[in-house]
Amino acid sequence: VRRAMAHAIDRETIVKQVLKGLATVAYTFTPPGMPYYIEPDDKIRELTEYNPDKARQWLKGTPYEGGKNWPKGLTLTHREEGDAPKAAAAAIIQMLKEVLGMELEHIVGEPRETYERMWKHEIPLMWVRWYVDYPDPANTLFQVWYSKAPTGRRHEWSNEEFDRLTLQANGEQDPKKRYELYYKAQLIQLEEAAAIYVYNPWSYGLMKPWVTNLPRNRNGDFMPEWNIFIRHYDYYKILKQ
């Protein structure tokens, strides 16, 4: 069923039409511009492509073949985070209904209560964003998905080989070998459709033309200090009018 869902979601439509281009399509967890970003190759695209026929094929032999017999009361849950995630979630729900006949109720919960339920593994299908704490897959593939952590597990999914690869990658000093470990781990996760990555949101805002010297990342994009706003004064300069 997870593989069916993975092929029923049209990322391009969500980014272009729902989000009006204010995001980039995501096929893997680590975003572009971050160390060890995994550029989607043919194998990854095969596992993540939008393909309604392939999606329906994955339901064959299950109780839900033909888009029938889905349990009542299925939900897609996320915390309140603004209009964009809410609109994207609504689009995903509609796509799953059109392609797979799956009826999902859209639940937008209070943040604290929603995350408490997540930690207790009480949410079967959750729409969630991950704000990268530091630019390394140890903070994405390992910290979020390693299943043997004694506390802080966000999900029930577990795969022995995935755990082994991401744990080994944490201590690997050779960048090429480390990339290969993360690539293999990401492939395992996509093959099991443990997660469906949809888009990388953009941070955007308006500024007066005389406000200059905003910090940029290595791609040349503006990178506001979202977490500590007082630090803005270390960067910004106001031109004389």
C-alpha atoms as a PDB file:
ATOM      1  CA  VAL A   1       0.000   0.000   0.000  1.00  0.00           C
ATOM      2  CA  ARG A   2       2.830   2.414   0.797  1.00  0.00           C
ATOM      3  CA  ARG A   3       4.356   1.798  -2.634  1.00  0.00           C
ATOM      4  CA  ALA A   4       0.977   2.491  -4.219  1.00  0.00           C
ATOM      5  CA  MET A   5       0.743   5.794  -2.367  1.00  0.00           C
ATOM      6  CA  ALA A   6       4.268   6.745  -3.440  1.00  0.00           C
ATOM      7  CA  HIS A   7       3.258   6.560  -7.118  1.00  0.00           C
ATOM      8  CA  ALA A   8      -0.083   8.327  -6.613  1.00  0.00           C
ATOM      9  CA  ILE A   9       1.316  11.721  -5.563  1.00  0.00           C
ATOM     10  CA  ASP A  10       2.167  14.233  -8.289  1.00  0.00           C
ATOM     11  CA  ARG A  11       4.966  16.340  -6.828  1.00  0.00           C
ATOM     12  CA  GLU A  12       5.315  18.560  -9.895  1.00  0.00           C
ATOM     13  CA  THR A  13       1.667  19.600  -9.748  1.00  0.00           C
ATOM     14  CA  ILE A  14       1.890  20.349  -6.034  1.00  0.00           C
ATOM     15  CA  VAL A  15       4.969  22.541  -6.485  1.00  0.00           C
ATOM     16  CA  LYS A  16       3.824  24.356  -9.634  1.00  0.00           C
ATOM     17  CA  GLN A  17       0.092  24.745  -9.058  1.00  0.00           C
ATOM     18  CA  VAL A  18      -0.548  24.465  -5.324  1.00  0.00           C
ATOM     19  CA  LEU A  19       2.608  26.169  -4.042  1.00  0.00           C
ATOM     20  CA  LYS A  20       2.936  28.494  -7.059  1.00  0.00           C
ATOM     21  CA  GLY A  21       6.562  27.536  -7.590  1.00  0.00           C
ATOM     22  CA  LEU A  22       7.692  28.489  -4.081  1.00  0.00           C
ATOM     23  CA  ALA A  23       9.355  25.112  -3.496  1.00  0.00           C
ATOM     24  CA  THR A  24      11.406  22.490  -5.264  1.00  0.00           C
ATOM     25  CA  VAL A  25      10.357  18.896  -5.840  1.00  0.00           C
ATOM     26  CA  ALA A  26      11.854  16.419  -3.346  1.00  0.00           C
ATOM     27  CA  TYR A  27      12.551  12.767  -4.053  1.00  0.00           C
ATOM     28  CA  THR A  28      14.964  12.139  -1.169  1.00  0.00           C
ATOM     29  CA  PHE A  29      15.320  13.494   2.358  1.00  0.00           C
ATOM     30  CA  THR A  30      18.566  15.481   2.128  1.00  0.00           C
ATOM     31  CA  PRO A  31      17.814  18.707   0.196  1.00  0.00           C
ATOM     32  CA  PRO A  32      19.842  20.183  -2.690  1.00  0.00           C
ATOM     33  CA  GLY A  33      22.765  22.329  -1.570  1.00  0.00           C
ATOM     34  CA  MET A  34      23.394  20.264   1.548  1.00  0.00           C
ATOM     35  CA  PRO A  35      26.423  17.969   1.877  1.00  0.00           C
ATOM     36  CA  TYR A  36      25.754  14.442   0.607  1.00  0.00           C
ATOM     37  CA  TYR A  37      22.691  15.492  -1.324  1.00  0.00           C
ATOM     38  CA  ILE A  38      21.597  12.497  -3.394  1.00  0.00           C
ATOM     39  CA  GLU A  39      20.842  13.519  -6.958  1.00  0.00           C
ATOM     40  CA  PRO A  40      17.901  11.375  -8.139  1.00  0.00           C
ATOM     41  CA  ASP A  41      19.152   8.769 -10.602  1.00  0.00           C
ATOM     42  CA  ASP A  42      17.057   6.432 -12.749  1.00  0.00           C
ATOM     43  CA  LYS A  43      16.510   4.010  -9.867  1.00  0.00           C
ATOM     44  CA  ILE A  44      15.303   6.708  -7.478  1.00  0.00           C
ATOM     45  CA  ARG A  45      13.047   8.240 -10.111  1.00  0.00           C
ATOM     46  CA  GLU A  46      11.601   4.813 -10.872  1.00  0.00           C
ATOM     47  CA  LEU A  47      10.714   4.382  -7.191  1.00  0.00           C
ATOM     48  CA  THR A  48       9.215   7.844  -6.797  1.00  0.00           C
ATOM     49  CA  GLU A  49       7.636   8.707 -10.159  1.00  0.00           C
ATOM     50  CA  TYR A  50       4.031   9.813 -10.386  1.00  0.00           C
ATOM     51  CA  ASN A  51       2.390   6.924 -12.217  1.00  0.00           C
ATOM     52  CA  PRO A  52      -1.300   6.182 -11.493  1.00  0.00           C
ATOM     53  CA  ASP A  53      -1.210   2.863 -13.362  1.00  0.00           C
ATOM     54  CA  LYS A  54       1.789   1.670 -11.376  1.00  0.00           C
ATOM     55  CA  ALA A  55       0.121   2.883  -8.174  1.00  0.00           C
ATOM     56  CA  ARG A  56      -2.974   0.795  -8.874  1.00  0.00           C
ATOM     57  CA  GLN A  57      -0.809  -2.203  -9.777  1.00  0.00           C
ATOM     58  CA  TRP A  58       0.659  -2.158  -6.274  1.00  0.00           C
ATOM     59  CA  LEU A  59      -2.834  -2.664  -4.849  1.00  0.00           C
ATOM     60  CA  LYS A  60      -3.345  -5.897  -6.773  1.00  0.00           C
ATOM     61  CA  GLY A  61      -3.529  -8.864  -4.442  1.00  0.00           C
ATOM     62  CA  THR A  62      -4.363  -6.674  -1.450  1.00  0.00           C
ATOM     63  CA  PRO A  63      -7.816  -6.189   0.109  1.00  0.00           C
ATOM     64  CA  TYR A  64      -7.829  -2.728  -1.508  1.00  0.00           C
ATOM     65  CA  GLU A  65      -7.453  -3.830  -5.133  1.00  0.00           C
ATOM     66  CA  GLY A  66      -9.509  -1.614  -7.401  1.00  0.00           C
ATOM     67  CA  GLY A  67      -9.625   1.130  -4.789  1.00  0.00           C
ATOM     68  CA  LYS A  68     -12.148  -0.738  -2.638  1.00  0.00           C
ATOM     69  CA  ASN A  69     -12.555  -1.818   0.994  1.00  0.00           C
ATOM     70  CA  TRP A  70     -10.493   0.966   2.552  1.00  0.00           C
ATOM     71  CA  PRO A  71     -11.124   1.167   6.308  1.00  0.00           C
ATOM     72  CA  LYS A  72     -13.334   4.017   7.429  1.00  0.00           C
ATOM     73  CA  GLY A  73     -11.805   6.794   9.480  1.00  0.00           C
ATOM     74  CA  LEU A  74      -8.425   7.005   7.729  1.00  0.00           C
ATOM     75  CA  THR A  75      -6.724  10.347   8.366  1.00  0.00           C
ATOM     76  CA  LEU A  76      -3.822  12.479   7.203  1.00  0.00           C
ATOM     77  CA  THR A  77      -2.640  14.483  10.196  1.00  0.00           C
ATOM     78  CA  HIS A  78      -0.311  17.441  10.528  1.00  0.00           C
ATOM     79  CA  ARG A  79       0.190  20.279  12.936  1.00  0.00           C
ATOM     80  CA  GLU A  80      -0.930  23.831  12.193  1.00  0.00           C
ATOM     81  CA  GLU A  81       1.905  25.461  10.250  1.00  0.00           C
ATOM     82  CA  GLY A  82       0.226  27.854   7.875  1.00  0.00           C
ATOM     83  CA  ASP A  83      -1.537  27.834   4.541  1.00  0.00           C
ATOM     84  CA  ALA A  84       1.090  26.224   2.280  1.00  0.00           C
ATOM     85  CA  PRO A  85       1.463  22.872   4.106  1.00  0.00           C
ATOM     86  CA  LYS A  86      -2.300  22.761   4.575  1.00  0.00           C
ATOM     87  CA  ALA A  87      -2.939  23.289   0.852  1.00  0.00           C
ATOM     88  CA  ALA A  88      -0.330  20.695  -0.111  1.00  0.00           C
ATOM     89  CA  ALA A  89      -1.853  18.156   2.278  1.00  0.00           C
ATOM     90  CA  ALA A  90      -5.302  18.780   0.795  1.00  0.00           C
ATOM     91  CA  ALA A  91      -3.887  18.193  -2.693  1.00  0.00           C
ATOM     92  CA  ILE A  92      -2.276  14.922  -1.592  1.00  0.00           C
ATOM     93  CA  ILE A  93      -5.564  13.737  -0.104  1.00  0.00           C
ATOM     94  CA  GLN A  94      -7.340  14.494  -3.376  1.00  0.00           C
ATOM     95  CA  MET A  95      -4.686  12.661  -5.416  1.00  0.00           C
ATOM     96  CA  LEU A  96      -4.883   9.557  -3.234  1.00  0.00           C
ATOM     97  CA  LYS A  97      -8.647   9.579  -3.618  1.00  0.00           C
ATOM     98  CA  GLU A  98      -8.556   9.986  -7.398  1.00  0.00           C
ATOM     99  CA  VAL A  99      -5.843   7.385  -8.021  1.00  0.00           C
ATOM    100  CA  LEU A 100      -6.428   4.815  -5.274  1.00  0.00           C
ATOM    101  CA  GLY A 101      -9.970   5.488  -4.110  1.00  0.00           C
ATOM    102  CA  MET A 102      -8.584   6.160  -0.629  1.00  0.00           C
ATOM    103  CA  GLU A 103     -10.723   8.450   1.535  1.00  0.00           C
ATOM    104  CA  LEU A 104      -8.707  10.443   4.060  1.00  0.00           C
ATOM    105  CA  GLU A 105      -9.932  12.970   6.587  1.00  0.00           C
ATOM    106  CA  HIS A 106      -7.690  16.029   6.821  1.00  0.00           C
ATOM    107  CA  ILE A 107      -6.721  16.633  10.455  1.00  0.00           C
ATOM    108  CA  VAL A 108      -4.897  19.868  11.317  1.00  0.00           C
ATOM    109  CA  GLY A 109      -3.953  19.598  14.969  1.00  0.00           C
ATOM    110  CA  GLU A 110      -2.622  21.870  17.665  1.00  0.00           C
ATOM    111  CA  PRO A 111       1.195  21.561  17.455  1.00  0.00           C
ATOM    112  CA  ARG A 112       1.950  20.336  20.971  1.00  0.00           C
ATOM    113  CA  GLU A 113      -0.869  17.794  21.059  1.00  0.00           C
ATOM    114  CA  THR A 114      -0.042  16.537  17.560  1.00  0.00           C
ATOM    115  CA  TYR A 115       3.601  15.946  18.378  1.00  0.00           C
ATOM    116  CA  GLU A 116       2.753  14.232  21.648  1.00  0.00           C
ATOM    117  CA  ARG A 117       0.641  11.791  19.644  1.00  0.00           C
ATOM    118  CA  MET A 118       3.471  11.355  17.156  1.00  0.00           C
ATOM    119  CA  TRP A 119       5.962  10.402  19.886  1.00  0.00           C
ATOM    120  CA  LYS A 120       3.443   7.830  21.127  1.00  0.00           C
ATOM    121  CA  HIS A 121       3.071   6.430  17.577  1.00  0.00           C
ATOM    122  CA  GLU A 122      -0.637   7.174  17.581  1.00  0.00           C
ATOM    123  CA  ILE A 123      -0.723   8.779  14.107  1.00  0.00           C
ATOM    124  CA  PRO A 124      -0.737   6.180  11.294  1.00  0.00           C
ATOM    125  CA  LEU A 125      -0.218   8.689   8.458  1.00  0.00           C
ATOM    126  CA  MET A 126       1.453  12.010   9.204  1.00  0.00           C
ATOM    127  CA  TRP A 127       2.341  14.959   6.973  1.00  0.00           C
ATOM    128  CA  VAL A 128       5.364  16.578   8.593  1.00  0.00           C
ATOM    129  CA  ARG A 129       8.188  18.913   7.720  1.00  0.00           C
ATOM    130  CA  TRP A 130      11.748  18.629   8.971  1.00  0.00           C
ATOM    131  CA  TYR A 131      13.751  21.790   9.602  1.00  0.00           C
ATOM    132  CA  VAL A 132      17.392  20.785   9.230  1.00  0.00           C
ATOM    133  CA  ASP A 133      19.277  21.502  12.455  1.00  0.00           C
ATOM    134  CA  TYR A 134      22.711  21.183  10.862  1.00  0.00           C
ATOM    135  CA  PRO A 135      23.747  20.425   7.267  1.00  0.00           C
ATOM    136  CA  ASP A 136      24.503  16.721   7.375  1.00  0.00           C
ATOM    137  CA  PRO A 137      22.535  13.511   6.705  1.00  0.00           C
ATOM    138  CA  ALA A 138      23.230  12.487  10.297  1.00  0.00           C
ATOM    139  CA  ASN A 139      20.495  15.002  11.116  1.00  0.00           C
ATOM    140  CA  THR A 140      18.104  13.689   8.483  1.00  0.00           C
ATOM    141  CA  LEU A 141      18.455  10.045   7.531  1.00  0.00           C
ATOM    142  CA  PHE A 142      20.030   8.947  10.815  1.00  0.00           C
ATOM    143  CA  GLN A 143      18.459  11.088  13.515  1.00  0.00           C
ATOM    144  CA  VAL A 144      14.932  10.808  12.152  1.00  0.00           C
ATOM    145  CA  TRP A 145      14.942   7.211  10.904  1.00  0.00           C
ATOM    146  CA  TYR A 146      17.410   5.156  12.952  1.00  0.00           C
ATOM    147  CA  SER A 147      15.128   2.684  14.713  1.00  0.00           C
ATOM    148  CA  LYS A 148      17.294   1.518  17.611  1.00  0.00           C
ATOM    149  CA  ALA A 149      17.432   4.797  19.510  1.00  0.00           C
ATOM    150  CA  PRO A 150      16.208   4.268  23.095  1.00  0.00           C
ATOM    151  CA  THR A 151      14.069   7.417  22.949  1.00  0.00           C
ATOM    152  CA  GLY A 152      12.838   9.940  20.397  1.00  0.00           C
ATOM    153  CA  ARG A 153      11.519   7.547  17.761  1.00  0.00           C
ATOM    154  CA  ARG A 154       9.016   9.300  15.520  1.00  0.00           C
ATOM    155  CA  HIS A 155       7.747   6.209  13.688  1.00  0.00           C
ATOM    156  CA  GLU A 156       7.338   2.441  13.721  1.00  0.00           C
ATOM    157  CA  TRP A 157       9.321   1.687  10.553  1.00  0.00           C
ATOM    158  CA  SER A 158      12.453  -0.366  11.089  1.00  0.00           C
ATOM    159  CA  ASN A 159      14.979  -1.937   8.733  1.00  0.00           C
ATOM    160  CA  GLU A 160      18.138  -3.654   9.991  1.00  0.00           C
ATOM    161  CA  GLU A 161      20.229  -2.852   6.921  1.00  0.00           C
ATOM    162  CA  PHE A 162      19.136   0.792   6.892  1.00  0.00           C
ATOM    163  CA  ASP A 163      20.112   1.112  10.553  1.00  0.00           C
ATOM    164  CA  ARG A 164      23.491  -0.502   9.910  1.00  0.00           C
ATOM    165  CA  LEU A 165      24.278   1.731   6.932  1.00  0.00           C
ATOM    166  CA  THR A 166      23.338   5.022   8.585  1.00  0.00           C
ATOM    167  CA  LEU A 167      25.178   4.120  11.794  1.00  0.00           C
ATOM    168  CA  GLN A 168      28.295   3.225   9.826  1.00  0.00           C
ATOM    169  CA  ALA A 169      28.021   6.447   7.805  1.00  0.00           C
ATOM    170  CA  ASN A 170      28.102   8.508  10.988  1.00  0.00           C
ATOM    171  CA  GLY A 171      31.704   7.487  11.608  1.00  0.00           C
ATOM    172  CA  GLU A 172      32.947   7.166   8.026  1.00  0.00           C
ATOM    173  CA  GLN A 173      35.720   9.666   7.223  1.00  0.00           C
ATOM    174  CA  ASP A 174      35.989   9.057   3.481  1.00  0.00           C
ATOM    175  CA  PRO A 175      33.415  11.331   1.737  1.00  0.00           C
ATOM    176  CA  LYS A 176      32.920   8.964  -1.225  1.00  0.00           C
ATOM    177  CA  LYS A 177      32.343   5.936   0.997  1.00  0.00           C
ATOM    178  CA  ARG A 178      30.057   7.974   3.235  1.00  0.00           C
ATOM    179  CA  TYR A 179      27.975   9.086   0.261  1.00  0.00           C
ATOM    180  CA  GLU A 180      27.612   5.468  -0.900  1.00  0.00           C
ATOM    181  CA  LEU A 181      26.395   4.417   2.543  1.00  0.00           C
ATOM    182  CA  TYR A 182      23.752   7.138   2.601  1.00  0.00           C
ATOM    183  CA  TYR A 183      22.746   6.378  -0.983  1.00  0.00           C
ATOM    184  CA  LYS A 184      22.179   2.698  -0.183  1.00  0.00           C
ATOM    185  CA  ALA A 185      20.232   3.612   2.956  1.00  0.00           C
ATOM    186  CA  GLN A 186      18.045   6.098   1.092  1.00  0.00           C
ATOM    187  CA  LEU A 187      17.346   3.514  -1.604  1.00  0.00           C
ATOM    188  CA  ILE A 188      16.188   0.985   1.000  1.00  0.00           C
ATOM    189  CA  GLN A 189      13.802   3.510   2.483  1.00  0.00           C
ATOM    190  CA  LEU A 190      12.344   4.409  -0.903  1.00  0.00           C
ATOM    191  CA  GLU A 191      11.995   0.746  -1.881  1.00  0.00           C
ATOM    192  CA  GLU A 192       9.892   0.203   1.232  1.00  0.00           C
ATOM    193  CA  ALA A 193       8.153   3.587   0.835  1.00  0.00           C
ATOM    194  CA  ALA A 194       8.682   4.277   4.522  1.00  0.00           C
ATOM    195  CA  ALA A 195       8.438   7.965   3.653  1.00  0.00           C
ATOM    196  CA  ILE A 196       7.199   9.903   0.645  1.00  0.00           C
ATOM    197  CA  TYR A 197       9.193  13.098   0.192  1.00  0.00           C
ATOM    198  CA  VAL A 198       7.199  15.719  -1.688  1.00  0.00           C
ATOM    199  CA  TYR A 199       8.860  19.141  -1.713  1.00  0.00           C
ATOM    200  CA  ASN A 200      11.500  21.390  -0.184  1.00  0.00           C
ATOM    201  CA  PRO A 201       9.773  24.655   0.785  1.00  0.00           C
ATOM    202  CA  TRP A 202      11.342  28.007   0.111  1.00  0.00           C
ATOM    203  CA  SER A 203      11.661  30.728   2.698  1.00  0.00           C
ATOM    204  CA  TYR A 204      10.583  33.969   1.094  1.00  0.00           C
ATOM    205  CA  GLY A 205       9.964  37.555   2.079  1.00  0.00           C
ATOM    206  CA  LEU A 206       9.929  41.169   0.941  1.00  0.00           C
ATOM    207  CA  MET A 207      12.588  43.757   1.606  1.00  0.00           C
ATOM    208  CA  LYS A 208      13.132  47.356   0.695  1.00  0.00           C
ATOM    209  CA  PRO A 209      15.752  47.952  -2.016  1.00  0.00           C
ATOM    210  CA  TRP A 210      17.980  49.861   0.405  1.00  0.00           C
ATOM    211  CA  VAL A 211      18.281  46.883   2.791  1.00  0.00           C
ATOM    212  CA  THR A 212      21.452  45.071   1.721  1.00  0.00           C
ATOM    213  CA  ASN A 213      24.136  42.612   2.805  1.00  0.00           C
ATOM    214  CA  LEU A 214      21.801  39.782   3.720  1.00  0.00           C
ATOM    215  CA  PRO A 215      23.684  36.526   4.432  1.00  0.00           C
ATOM    216  CA  ARG A 216      23.736  34.015   1.594  1.00  0.00           C
ATOM    217  CA  ASN A 217      24.478  30.322   1.363  1.00  0.00           C
ATOM    218  CA  ARG A 218      27.006  28.818  -1.024  1.00  0.00           C
ATOM    219  CA  ASN A 219      24.362  28.711  -3.761  1.00  0.00           C
ATOM    220  CA  GLY A 220      23.927  32.476  -3.513  1.00  0.00           C
ATOM    221  CA  ASP A 221      20.479  32.284  -1.928  1.00  0.00           C
ATOM    222  CA  PHE A 222      19.489  34.587   0.914  1.00  0.00           C
ATOM    223  CA  MET A 223      19.569  32.785   4.265  1.00  0.00           C
ATOM    224  CA  PRO A 224      17.888  34.779   7.045  1.00  0.00           C
ATOM    225  CA  GLU A 225      18.779  33.833  10.620  1.00  0.00           C
ATOM    226  CA  TRP A 226      15.305  32.473  11.358  1.00  0.00           C
ATOM    227  CA  ASN A 227      16.131  31.110  14.793  1.00  0.00           C
ATOM    228  CA  ILE A 228      17.818  34.138  16.371  1.00  0.00           C
ATOM    229  CA  PHE A 229      16.366  37.296  14.888  1.00  0.00           C
ATOM    230  CA  ILE A 230      18.596  39.684  16.861  1.00  0.00           C
ATOM    231  CA  ARG A 231      21.562  38.406  14.828  1.00  0.00           C
ATOM    232  CA  HIS A 232      20.151  40.110  11.744  1.00  0.00           C
ATOM    233  CA  TYR A 233      21.892  43.274  12.876  1.00  0.00           C
ATOM    234  CA  ASP A 234      25.245  41.579  12.291  1.00  0.00           C
ATOM    235  CA  TYR A 235      24.507  41.482   8.574  1.00  0.00           C
ATOM    236  CA  TYR A 236      22.007  44.048   7.370  1.00  0.00           C
ATOM    237  CA  LYS A 237      23.071  47.428   6.083  1.00  0.00           C
ATOM    238  CA  ILE A 238      20.829  50.356   5.225  1.00  0.00           C
ATOM    239  CA  LEU A 239      21.887  52.438   2.246  1.00  0.00           C
ATOM    240  CA  LYS A 240      21.515  56.201   2.312  1.00  0.00           C
ATOM    241  CA  GLN A 241      18.487  57.376   0.381  1.00  0.00           C
END
